[in-house]
Amino acid sequence: MRQKNWRIIIVGFVLAGLALGFFFFMASIAPKSTDPVALMQEVGRVSGIAGGISFVMIIIGLIGKKV
C-alpha cells in the first residue's frame, strides 16, 4: 500500500495559487507597460511553468511512497 505525501500535495496547491495570483496581478498592471503583449507572453510562460511544476508535485504526492 502507498502512503500519500501531504507536504508535497499542499506545496503543489500553494504553488498553483501563487502562479495564478502572479498572472492576475501582472495582468492588472500590464496596460501600464510600454509593451504589454511581450510582458503578458513572458508572464504566461512563467505562470505556465509554475503551474506545470505544481501539477507534477500534486500527482507525485498523490501517488505517494511505499510503506
C-alpha atoms as a PDB file:
ATOM      1  CA  MET A   1       0.000   0.000   0.000  1.00  0.00           C
ATOM      2  CA  ARG A   2       1.147   3.535  -0.724  1.00  0.00           C
ATOM      3  CA  GLN A   3       1.088   6.493   1.632  1.00  0.00           C
ATOM      4  CA  LYS A   4       0.224   9.942   0.260  1.00  0.00           C
ATOM      5  CA  ASN A   5       2.786  12.671   0.820  1.00  0.00           C
ATOM      6  CA  TRP A   6       0.629  15.549   2.069  1.00  0.00           C
ATOM      7  CA  ARG A   7       3.516  18.020   2.254  1.00  0.00           C
ATOM      8  CA  ILE A   8       4.168  17.790  -1.472  1.00  0.00           C
ATOM      9  CA  ILE A   9       0.440  17.985  -2.251  1.00  0.00           C
ATOM     10  CA  ILE A  10      -0.015  21.128  -0.138  1.00  0.00           C
ATOM     11  CA  VAL A  11       3.079  22.791  -1.614  1.00  0.00           C
ATOM     12  CA  GLY A  12       1.766  21.956  -5.089  1.00  0.00           C
ATOM     13  CA  PHE A  13      -1.543  23.682  -4.377  1.00  0.00           C
ATOM     14  CA  VAL A  14       0.208  26.698  -2.839  1.00  0.00           C
ATOM     15  CA  LEU A  15       2.488  26.987  -5.874  1.00  0.00           C
ATOM     16  CA  ALA A  16      -0.530  26.795  -8.211  1.00  0.00           C
ATOM     17  CA  GLY A  17      -2.229  29.552  -6.222  1.00  0.00           C
ATOM     18  CA  LEU A  18       0.893  31.705  -6.379  1.00  0.00           C
ATOM     19  CA  ALA A  19       1.142  31.177 -10.144  1.00  0.00           C
ATOM     20  CA  LEU A  20      -2.485  32.235 -10.623  1.00  0.00           C
ATOM     21  CA  GLY A  21      -2.059  35.206  -8.316  1.00  0.00           C
ATOM     22  CA  PHE A  22       1.079  36.309 -10.158  1.00  0.00           C
ATOM     23  CA  PHE A  23      -0.672  36.005 -13.520  1.00  0.00           C
ATOM     24  CA  PHE A  24      -3.704  38.054 -12.495  1.00  0.00           C
ATOM     25  CA  PHE A  25      -1.595  40.657 -10.686  1.00  0.00           C
ATOM     26  CA  MET A  26       0.586  41.154 -13.743  1.00  0.00           C
ATOM     27  CA  ALA A  27      -2.488  41.246 -15.994  1.00  0.00           C
ATOM     28  CA  SER A  28      -3.800  44.149 -13.937  1.00  0.00           C
ATOM     29  CA  ILE A  29      -0.610  46.195 -14.379  1.00  0.00           C
ATOM     30  CA  ALA A  30       0.176  45.157 -17.977  1.00  0.00           C
ATOM     31  CA  PRO A  31      -1.668  48.089 -19.624  1.00  0.00           C
ATOM     32  CA  LYS A  32       0.793  50.490 -17.964  1.00  0.00           C
ATOM     33  CA  SER A  33       3.741  48.720 -19.602  1.00  0.00           C
ATOM     34  CA  THR A  34       5.458  50.002 -22.729  1.00  0.00           C
ATOM     35  CA  ASP A  35       4.987  46.590 -24.397  1.00  0.00           C
ATOM     36  CA  PRO A  36       2.047  44.811 -22.748  1.00  0.00           C
ATOM     37  CA  VAL A  37       1.946  41.968 -25.288  1.00  0.00           C
ATOM     38  CA  ALA A  38       5.552  40.917 -24.646  1.00  0.00           C
ATOM     39  CA  LEU A  39       5.036  41.311 -20.905  1.00  0.00           C
ATOM     40  CA  MET A  40       1.998  39.041 -20.878  1.00  0.00           C
ATOM     41  CA  GLN A  41       3.752  36.481 -23.072  1.00  0.00           C
ATOM     42  CA  GLU A  42       6.568  36.253 -20.540  1.00  0.00           C
ATOM     43  CA  VAL A  43       4.161  36.227 -17.590  1.00  0.00           C
ATOM     44  CA  GLY A  44       2.137  33.459 -19.230  1.00  0.00           C
ATOM     45  CA  ARG A  45       5.273  31.433 -19.832  1.00  0.00           C
ATOM     46  CA  VAL A  46       6.421  31.778 -16.215  1.00  0.00           C
ATOM     47  CA  SER A  47       2.955  31.057 -14.823  1.00  0.00           C
ATOM     48  CA  GLY A  48       2.610  28.040 -17.089  1.00  0.00           C
ATOM     49  CA  ILE A  49       5.917  26.605 -15.924  1.00  0.00           C
ATOM     50  CA  ALA A  50       4.999  27.155 -12.276  1.00  0.00           C
ATOM     51  CA  GLY A  51       1.562  25.619 -12.877  1.00  0.00           C
ATOM     52  CA  GLY A  52       3.112  22.601 -14.571  1.00  0.00           C
ATOM     53  CA  ILE A  53       5.546  22.060 -11.719  1.00  0.00           C
ATOM     54  CA  SER A  54       2.705  22.328  -9.210  1.00  0.00           C
ATOM     55  CA  PHE A  55       0.616  19.810 -11.189  1.00  0.00           C
ATOM     56  CA  VAL A  56       3.521  17.340 -11.191  1.00  0.00           C
ATOM     57  CA  MET A  57       4.056  17.870  -7.454  1.00  0.00           C
ATOM     58  CA  ILE A  58       0.381  17.159  -6.730  1.00  0.00           C
ATOM     59  CA  ILE A  59       0.439  13.977  -8.832  1.00  0.00           C
ATOM     60  CA  ILE A  60       3.660  12.748  -7.219  1.00  0.00           C
ATOM     61  CA  GLY A  61       2.238  13.482  -3.773  1.00  0.00           C
ATOM     62  CA  LEU A  62      -0.964  11.587  -4.559  1.00  0.00           C
ATOM     63  CA  ILE A  63       0.960   8.571  -5.856  1.00  0.00           C
ATOM     64  CA  GLY A  64       2.951   8.561  -2.640  1.00  0.00           C
ATOM     65  CA  LYS A  65       5.598   6.164  -1.490  1.00  0.00           C
ATOM     66  CA  LYS A  66       5.596   2.550  -0.457  1.00  0.00           C
ATOM     67  CA  VAL A  67       5.191   1.906   3.241  1.00  0.00           C
END
